[in-house]
Amino acid sequence: MNLIQFFHDATFYAMYVAAGVAIFLIIERQLFFFFSARDARKLLATMTAADNYVPRIDAAMLERKTVPVALVRETLLARRQTVDRVQREDLSEAIYIASKTRVNARLWVLDTVVTAAPLLGLVGTILGIIDTFAVLASSGISDPSGVSKGIGTALYATALGISIALTGLLFYNYLRACADHLNDQLKELLLRAEGLSHDDRISSGNPARQPQRQEHAGREPIQAVG
């Protein structure tokens, strides 16, 4: 095996690895967004006050480890431990940035695969054509099957690279939209969590809504069970 053939085979292995990494990231990120969006919807539903009720967050919900639950839990803890308003706002912003980083994690890898796959395919095509010309130079046209095989392998490299990139691009755009939507939900959760009280407790395992007290003219703050 000459050096050109070695690099030609190496480009195929690199594209196979890139395809495997892309498939793994697509599945992992889809599961992440599914469970995170589910918990975000549940939290928003319990944190949205009705006209005559004060919503509460179930204590069991705050034990989960998804990003939306962690954001609300850390916001409640920071609100309880911090009195200064400016410091509390800074902590809330830091919590949101950390959560946003977890949401966008590893998407850059899929973006890199989308960018690199066609280039790897092009390199494979060029090396395949060079190898084909090397066969022509050594044996002339006496071995047309070898020439046809080299050209076919070269074209296969291009097709494989474009296929990986196209599939990865479709899923990247979908996952990017899921990440943007989840970031919007996190921002809404953060704003709503600013009005939560972490010291209230309920014994029930389900979220409970209590009527408003008559002596208050306006709506009471949303309460959390933690």
C-alpha atoms as a PDB file:
ATOM      1  CA  MET A   1       0.000   0.000   0.000  1.00  0.00           C
ATOM      2  CA  ASN A   2       1.480   3.342  -1.055  1.00  0.00           C
ATOM      3  CA  LEU A   3       1.203   6.566   0.897  1.00  0.00           C
ATOM      4  CA  ILE A   4      -1.609   7.963  -1.255  1.00  0.00           C
ATOM      5  CA  GLN A   5      -3.704   4.844  -0.739  1.00  0.00           C
ATOM      6  CA  PHE A   6      -3.077   5.049   3.018  1.00  0.00           C
ATOM      7  CA  PHE A   7      -4.361   8.635   3.252  1.00  0.00           C
ATOM      8  CA  HIS A   8      -7.236   7.766   0.944  1.00  0.00           C
ATOM      9  CA  ASP A   9      -8.348   5.011   3.312  1.00  0.00           C
ATOM     10  CA  ALA A  10      -7.758   7.292   6.298  1.00  0.00           C
ATOM     11  CA  THR A  11     -10.258   9.829   4.941  1.00  0.00           C
ATOM     12  CA  PHE A  12     -12.920   7.131   4.780  1.00  0.00           C
ATOM     13  CA  TYR A  13     -12.244   6.079   8.372  1.00  0.00           C
ATOM     14  CA  ALA A  14     -12.389   9.726   9.432  1.00  0.00           C
ATOM     15  CA  MET A  15     -15.783  10.145   7.753  1.00  0.00           C
ATOM     16  CA  TYR A  16     -17.090   6.965   9.395  1.00  0.00           C
ATOM     17  CA  VAL A  17     -15.963   8.273  12.789  1.00  0.00           C
ATOM     18  CA  ALA A  18     -17.560  11.654  12.054  1.00  0.00           C
ATOM     19  CA  ALA A  19     -20.829   9.938  11.141  1.00  0.00           C
ATOM     20  CA  GLY A  20     -20.751   7.914  14.369  1.00  0.00           C
ATOM     21  CA  VAL A  21     -20.082  11.020  16.461  1.00  0.00           C
ATOM     22  CA  ALA A  22     -22.916  12.866  14.724  1.00  0.00           C
ATOM     23  CA  ILE A  23     -25.385  10.029  15.353  1.00  0.00           C
ATOM     24  CA  PHE A  24     -24.402   9.858  19.030  1.00  0.00           C
ATOM     25  CA  LEU A  25     -24.766  13.622  19.507  1.00  0.00           C
ATOM     26  CA  ILE A  26     -28.111  13.731  17.714  1.00  0.00           C
ATOM     27  CA  ILE A  27     -29.562  11.022  19.963  1.00  0.00           C
ATOM     28  CA  GLU A  28     -28.026  12.443  23.156  1.00  0.00           C
ATOM     29  CA  ARG A  29     -29.153  16.014  22.480  1.00  0.00           C
ATOM     30  CA  GLN A  30     -32.668  14.938  21.501  1.00  0.00           C
ATOM     31  CA  LEU A  31     -33.062  13.066  24.789  1.00  0.00           C
ATOM     32  CA  PHE A  32     -31.649  16.046  26.679  1.00  0.00           C
ATOM     33  CA  PHE A  33     -34.050  18.512  25.067  1.00  0.00           C
ATOM     34  CA  PHE A  34     -37.016  16.170  25.472  1.00  0.00           C
ATOM     35  CA  PHE A  35     -36.642  15.765  29.239  1.00  0.00           C
ATOM     36  CA  SER A  36     -35.594  19.379  29.804  1.00  0.00           C
ATOM     37  CA  ALA A  37     -38.523  20.789  27.805  1.00  0.00           C
ATOM     38  CA  ARG A  38     -40.922  18.463  29.639  1.00  0.00           C
ATOM     39  CA  ASP A  39     -39.791  19.698  33.059  1.00  0.00           C
ATOM     40  CA  ALA A  40     -39.776  23.311  31.862  1.00  0.00           C
ATOM     41  CA  ARG A  41     -43.412  23.003  30.770  1.00  0.00           C
ATOM     42  CA  LYS A  42     -44.378  21.465  34.111  1.00  0.00           C
ATOM     43  CA  LEU A  43     -42.622  24.213  36.056  1.00  0.00           C
ATOM     44  CA  LEU A  44     -44.181  26.955  33.974  1.00  0.00           C
ATOM     45  CA  ALA A  45     -47.606  25.393  34.471  1.00  0.00           C
ATOM     46  CA  THR A  46     -47.233  25.356  38.257  1.00  0.00           C
ATOM     47  CA  MET A  47     -45.624  28.801  38.409  1.00  0.00           C
ATOM     48  CA  THR A  48     -48.368  30.519  36.408  1.00  0.00           C
ATOM     49  CA  ALA A  49     -50.853  31.964  38.895  1.00  0.00           C
ATOM     50  CA  ALA A  50     -54.580  31.789  38.242  1.00  0.00           C
ATOM     51  CA  ASP A  51     -56.884  34.600  39.261  1.00  0.00           C
ATOM     52  CA  ASN A  52     -57.847  33.159  42.646  1.00  0.00           C
ATOM     53  CA  TYR A  53     -55.024  30.740  43.419  1.00  0.00           C
ATOM     54  CA  VAL A  54     -51.380  30.771  44.439  1.00  0.00           C
ATOM     55  CA  PRO A  55     -49.442  28.008  42.653  1.00  0.00           C
ATOM     56  CA  ARG A  56     -46.800  25.956  44.431  1.00  0.00           C
ATOM     57  CA  ILE A  57     -43.926  23.844  43.112  1.00  0.00           C
ATOM     58  CA  ASP A  58     -43.944  20.208  44.139  1.00  0.00           C
ATOM     59  CA  ALA A  59     -41.004  19.342  46.406  1.00  0.00           C
ATOM     60  CA  ALA A  60     -40.344  16.162  44.385  1.00  0.00           C
ATOM     61  CA  MET A  61     -40.007  18.249  41.222  1.00  0.00           C
ATOM     62  CA  LEU A  62     -37.156  20.248  42.745  1.00  0.00           C
ATOM     63  CA  GLU A  63     -35.174  17.039  43.292  1.00  0.00           C
ATOM     64  CA  ARG A  64     -34.770  16.394  39.580  1.00  0.00           C
ATOM     65  CA  LYS A  65     -31.466  17.106  37.840  1.00  0.00           C
ATOM     66  CA  THR A  66     -32.628  18.603  34.565  1.00  0.00           C
ATOM     67  CA  VAL A  67     -31.490  22.084  33.595  1.00  0.00           C
ATOM     68  CA  PRO A  68     -34.832  23.903  34.171  1.00  0.00           C
ATOM     69  CA  VAL A  69     -35.251  22.366  37.643  1.00  0.00           C
ATOM     70  CA  ALA A  70     -31.643  23.169  38.559  1.00  0.00           C
ATOM     71  CA  LEU A  71     -32.143  26.766  37.443  1.00  0.00           C
ATOM     72  CA  VAL A  72     -35.261  27.227  39.599  1.00  0.00           C
ATOM     73  CA  ARG A  73     -33.682  25.457  42.572  1.00  0.00           C
ATOM     74  CA  GLU A  74     -30.508  27.557  42.450  1.00  0.00           C
ATOM     75  CA  THR A  75     -32.535  30.744  41.968  1.00  0.00           C
ATOM     76  CA  LEU A  76     -34.637  29.967  45.043  1.00  0.00           C
ATOM     77  CA  LEU A  77     -31.510  29.231  47.056  1.00  0.00           C
ATOM     78  CA  ALA A  78     -29.821  32.448  45.927  1.00  0.00           C
ATOM     79  CA  ARG A  79     -32.965  34.441  46.684  1.00  0.00           C
ATOM     80  CA  ARG A  80     -33.142  33.021  50.194  1.00  0.00           C
ATOM     81  CA  GLN A  81     -29.453  33.634  50.966  1.00  0.00           C
ATOM     82  CA  THR A  82     -29.104  37.047  49.323  1.00  0.00           C
ATOM     83  CA  VAL A  83     -30.842  40.195  50.510  1.00  0.00           C
ATOM     84  CA  ASP A  84     -29.202  42.799  48.283  1.00  0.00           C
ATOM     85  CA  ARG A  85     -31.194  43.247  45.081  1.00  0.00           C
ATOM     86  CA  VAL A  86     -28.208  43.985  42.828  1.00  0.00           C
ATOM     87  CA  GLN A  87     -26.317  40.962  44.072  1.00  0.00           C
ATOM     88  CA  ARG A  88     -29.405  38.796  43.608  1.00  0.00           C
ATOM     89  CA  GLU A  89     -29.780  39.976  40.013  1.00  0.00           C
ATOM     90  CA  ASP A  90     -26.103  39.224  39.340  1.00  0.00           C
ATOM     91  CA  LEU A  91     -26.489  35.722  40.771  1.00  0.00           C
ATOM     92  CA  SER A  92     -29.604  35.147  38.681  1.00  0.00           C
ATOM     93  CA  GLU A  93     -27.753  36.212  35.539  1.00  0.00           C
ATOM     94  CA  ALA A  94     -24.844  33.900  36.410  1.00  0.00           C
ATOM     95  CA  ILE A  95     -27.265  31.002  36.953  1.00  0.00           C
ATOM     96  CA  TYR A  96     -28.903  31.671  33.586  1.00  0.00           C
ATOM     97  CA  ILE A  97     -25.553  31.809  31.763  1.00  0.00           C
ATOM     98  CA  ALA A  98     -24.477  28.513  33.338  1.00  0.00           C
ATOM     99  CA  SER A  99     -27.777  26.892  32.355  1.00  0.00           C
ATOM    100  CA  LYS A 100     -27.541  28.266  28.821  1.00  0.00           C
ATOM    101  CA  THR A 101     -24.059  26.784  28.507  1.00  0.00           C
ATOM    102  CA  ARG A 102     -25.430  23.342  29.388  1.00  0.00           C
ATOM    103  CA  VAL A 103     -28.206  23.754  26.821  1.00  0.00           C
ATOM    104  CA  ASN A 104     -25.798  24.652  24.015  1.00  0.00           C
ATOM    105  CA  ALA A 105     -23.196  22.056  25.012  1.00  0.00           C
ATOM    106  CA  ARG A 106     -21.658  19.934  22.243  1.00  0.00           C
ATOM    107  CA  LEU A 107     -23.692  21.471  19.453  1.00  0.00           C
ATOM    108  CA  TRP A 108     -20.440  22.913  18.133  1.00  0.00           C
ATOM    109  CA  VAL A 109     -19.204  19.354  17.570  1.00  0.00           C
ATOM    110  CA  LEU A 110     -22.142  18.601  15.280  1.00  0.00           C
ATOM    111  CA  ASP A 111     -21.548  21.908  13.484  1.00  0.00           C
ATOM    112  CA  THR A 112     -17.905  20.917  12.988  1.00  0.00           C
ATOM    113  CA  VAL A 113     -18.940  17.538  11.542  1.00  0.00           C
ATOM    114  CA  VAL A 114     -21.279  19.289   9.099  1.00  0.00           C
ATOM    115  CA  THR A 115     -18.444  21.557   7.974  1.00  0.00           C
ATOM    116  CA  ALA A 116     -15.687  18.947   7.860  1.00  0.00           C
ATOM    117  CA  ALA A 117     -17.507  16.031   6.210  1.00  0.00           C
ATOM    118  CA  PRO A 118     -17.683  17.522   2.673  1.00  0.00           C
ATOM    119  CA  LEU A 119     -14.035  18.560   2.924  1.00  0.00           C
ATOM    120  CA  LEU A 120     -13.033  15.042   3.920  1.00  0.00           C
ATOM    121  CA  GLY A 121     -15.072  13.730   1.000  1.00  0.00           C
ATOM    122  CA  LEU A 122     -13.309  16.124  -1.351  1.00  0.00           C
ATOM    123  CA  VAL A 123      -9.915  15.035  -0.050  1.00  0.00           C
ATOM    124  CA  GLY A 124     -10.922  11.412  -0.576  1.00  0.00           C
ATOM    125  CA  THR A 125     -12.000  12.186  -4.123  1.00  0.00           C
ATOM    126  CA  ILE A 126      -8.739  13.956  -4.958  1.00  0.00           C
ATOM    127  CA  LEU A 127      -6.651  11.145  -3.504  1.00  0.00           C
ATOM    128  CA  GLY A 128      -8.760   8.597  -5.364  1.00  0.00           C
ATOM    129  CA  ILE A 129      -8.208  10.384  -8.662  1.00  0.00           C
ATOM    130  CA  ILE A 130      -4.471  10.636  -7.970  1.00  0.00           C
ATOM    131  CA  ASP A 131      -4.380   6.913  -7.275  1.00  0.00           C
ATOM    132  CA  THR A 132      -6.282   6.280 -10.500  1.00  0.00           C
ATOM    133  CA  PHE A 133      -3.758   8.282 -12.507  1.00  0.00           C
ATOM    134  CA  ALA A 134      -0.992   6.341 -10.799  1.00  0.00           C
ATOM    135  CA  VAL A 135      -2.600   3.098 -12.040  1.00  0.00           C
ATOM    136  CA  LEU A 136      -2.844   4.551 -15.567  1.00  0.00           C
ATOM    137  CA  ALA A 137       0.784   5.610 -15.447  1.00  0.00           C
ATOM    138  CA  SER A 138       1.973   2.153 -14.430  1.00  0.00           C
ATOM    139  CA  SER A 139      -0.275  -0.091 -16.521  1.00  0.00           C
ATOM    140  CA  GLY A 140      -1.686   2.213 -19.174  1.00  0.00           C
ATOM    141  CA  ILE A 141      -5.172   1.322 -20.339  1.00  0.00           C
ATOM    142  CA  SER A 142      -4.560  -2.406 -20.159  1.00  0.00           C
ATOM    143  CA  ASP A 143      -6.444  -2.590 -16.844  1.00  0.00           C
ATOM    144  CA  PRO A 144      -9.712  -0.660 -17.306  1.00  0.00           C
ATOM    145  CA  SER A 145     -11.278  -2.321 -14.257  1.00  0.00           C
ATOM    146  CA  GLY A 146      -8.650  -0.786 -11.983  1.00  0.00           C
ATOM    147  CA  VAL A 147      -9.284   2.652 -13.470  1.00  0.00           C
ATOM    148  CA  SER A 148     -13.042   2.305 -13.088  1.00  0.00           C
ATOM    149  CA  LYS A 149     -12.660   1.114  -9.512  1.00  0.00           C
ATOM    150  CA  GLY A 150     -10.505   4.102  -8.597  1.00  0.00           C
ATOM    151  CA  ILE A 151     -12.925   6.587 -10.130  1.00  0.00           C
ATOM    152  CA  GLY A 152     -15.883   4.913  -8.438  1.00  0.00           C
ATOM    153  CA  THR A 153     -14.157   5.009  -5.036  1.00  0.00           C
ATOM    154  CA  ALA A 154     -13.295   8.652  -5.545  1.00  0.00           C
ATOM    155  CA  LEU A 155     -16.908   9.558  -6.320  1.00  0.00           C
ATOM    156  CA  TYR A 156     -18.118   7.471  -3.383  1.00  0.00           C
ATOM    157  CA  ALA A 157     -15.979   9.590  -1.048  1.00  0.00           C
ATOM    158  CA  THR A 158     -17.681  12.763  -2.253  1.00  0.00           C
ATOM    159  CA  ALA A 159     -21.151  11.247  -1.943  1.00  0.00           C
ATOM    160  CA  LEU A 160     -20.444   9.984   1.573  1.00  0.00           C
ATOM    161  CA  GLY A 161     -19.128  13.347   2.760  1.00  0.00           C
ATOM    162  CA  ILE A 162     -22.088  15.268   1.328  1.00  0.00           C
ATOM    163  CA  SER A 163     -24.572  12.763   2.792  1.00  0.00           C
ATOM    164  CA  ILE A 164     -23.080  13.087   6.278  1.00  0.00           C
ATOM    165  CA  ALA A 165     -23.065  16.878   6.025  1.00  0.00           C
ATOM    166  CA  LEU A 166     -26.630  17.118   4.730  1.00  0.00           C
ATOM    167  CA  THR A 167     -28.030  14.821   7.424  1.00  0.00           C
ATOM    168  CA  GLY A 168     -26.035  16.567  10.119  1.00  0.00           C
ATOM    169  CA  LEU A 169     -27.167  19.991   8.906  1.00  0.00           C
ATOM    170  CA  LEU A 170     -30.848  19.066   9.099  1.00  0.00           C
ATOM    171  CA  PHE A 171     -30.523  17.765  12.648  1.00  0.00           C
ATOM    172  CA  TYR A 172     -28.258  20.652  13.670  1.00  0.00           C
ATOM    173  CA  ASN A 173     -30.859  23.209  12.616  1.00  0.00           C
ATOM    174  CA  TYR A 174     -33.553  21.251  14.456  1.00  0.00           C
ATOM    175  CA  LEU A 175     -31.465  20.967  17.627  1.00  0.00           C
ATOM    176  CA  ARG A 176     -30.506  24.630  17.374  1.00  0.00           C
ATOM    177  CA  ALA A 177     -34.201  25.560  17.303  1.00  0.00           C
ATOM    178  CA  CYS A 178     -34.833  23.304  20.329  1.00  0.00           C
ATOM    179  CA  ALA A 179     -31.961  24.976  22.188  1.00  0.00           C
ATOM    180  CA  ASP A 180     -33.276  28.473  21.432  1.00  0.00           C
ATOM    181  CA  HIS A 181     -36.760  27.504  22.584  1.00  0.00           C
ATOM    182  CA  LEU A 182     -35.429  25.956  25.793  1.00  0.00           C
ATOM    183  CA  ASN A 183     -33.316  29.048  26.484  1.00  0.00           C
ATOM    184  CA  ASP A 184     -36.456  31.173  26.177  1.00  0.00           C
ATOM    185  CA  GLN A 185     -38.209  28.877  28.654  1.00  0.00           C
ATOM    186  CA  LEU A 186     -35.262  29.158  31.046  1.00  0.00           C
ATOM    187  CA  LYS A 187     -35.428  32.942  30.861  1.00  0.00           C
ATOM    188  CA  GLU A 188     -39.141  32.865  31.629  1.00  0.00           C
ATOM    189  CA  LEU A 189     -38.567  30.463  34.521  1.00  0.00           C
ATOM    190  CA  LEU A 190     -35.865  32.733  35.900  1.00  0.00           C
ATOM    191  CA  LEU A 191     -38.150  35.766  35.810  1.00  0.00           C
ATOM    192  CA  ARG A 192     -40.996  33.866  37.439  1.00  0.00           C
ATOM    193  CA  ALA A 193     -38.695  32.356  40.078  1.00  0.00           C
ATOM    194  CA  GLU A 194     -37.827  35.864  41.249  1.00  0.00           C
ATOM    195  CA  GLY A 195     -41.286  36.002  42.824  1.00  0.00           C
ATOM    196  CA  LEU A 196     -41.114  32.620  44.541  1.00  0.00           C
ATOM    197  CA  SER A 197     -40.873  32.015  48.270  1.00  0.00           C
ATOM    198  CA  HIS A 198     -38.662  29.068  49.213  1.00  0.00           C
ATOM    199  CA  ASP A 199     -39.804  28.770  52.830  1.00  0.00           C
ATOM    200  CA  ASP A 200     -43.342  27.484  52.283  1.00  0.00           C
ATOM    201  CA  ARG A 201     -44.004  23.764  52.622  1.00  0.00           C
ATOM    202  CA  ILE A 202     -46.776  21.337  51.710  1.00  0.00           C
ATOM    203  CA  SER A 203     -47.067  17.712  52.707  1.00  0.00           C
ATOM    204  CA  SER A 204     -48.804  16.528  49.535  1.00  0.00           C
ATOM    205  CA  GLY A 205     -46.767  15.004  46.758  1.00  0.00           C
ATOM    206  CA  ASN A 206     -48.730  16.935  44.122  1.00  0.00           C
ATOM    207  CA  PRO A 207     -48.610  20.686  43.532  1.00  0.00           C
ATOM    208  CA  ALA A 208     -51.252  22.439  45.639  1.00  0.00           C
ATOM    209  CA  ARG A 209     -52.927  25.717  44.925  1.00  0.00           C
ATOM    210  CA  GLN A 210     -54.270  27.746  47.803  1.00  0.00           C
ATOM    211  CA  PRO A 211     -56.890  30.493  47.581  1.00  0.00           C
ATOM    212  CA  GLN A 212     -55.744  34.051  47.930  1.00  0.00           C
ATOM    213  CA  ARG A 213     -56.078  35.665  51.300  1.00  0.00           C
ATOM    214  CA  GLN A 214     -58.842  38.218  51.372  1.00  0.00           C
ATOM    215  CA  GLU A 215     -56.834  40.813  53.273  1.00  0.00           C
ATOM    216  CA  HIS A 216     -54.456  41.243  50.323  1.00  0.00           C
ATOM    217  CA  ALA A 217     -55.679  43.583  47.644  1.00  0.00           C
ATOM    218  CA  GLY A 218     -53.430  42.200  44.908  1.00  0.00           C
ATOM    219  CA  ARG A 219     -52.175  38.796  43.881  1.00  0.00           C
ATOM    220  CA  GLU A 220     -49.876  37.030  46.346  1.00  0.00           C
ATOM    221  CA  PRO A 221     -46.361  36.031  45.348  1.00  0.00           C
ATOM    222  CA  ILE A 222     -46.043  32.599  43.810  1.00  0.00           C
ATOM    223  CA  GLN A 223     -44.967  30.072  46.428  1.00  0.00           C
ATOM    224  CA  ALA A 224     -42.551  27.173  46.035  1.00  0.00           C
ATOM    225  CA  VAL A 225     -42.253  23.978  47.918  1.00  0.00           C
ATOM    226  CA  GLY A 226     -38.652  22.910  48.283  1.00  0.00           C
END
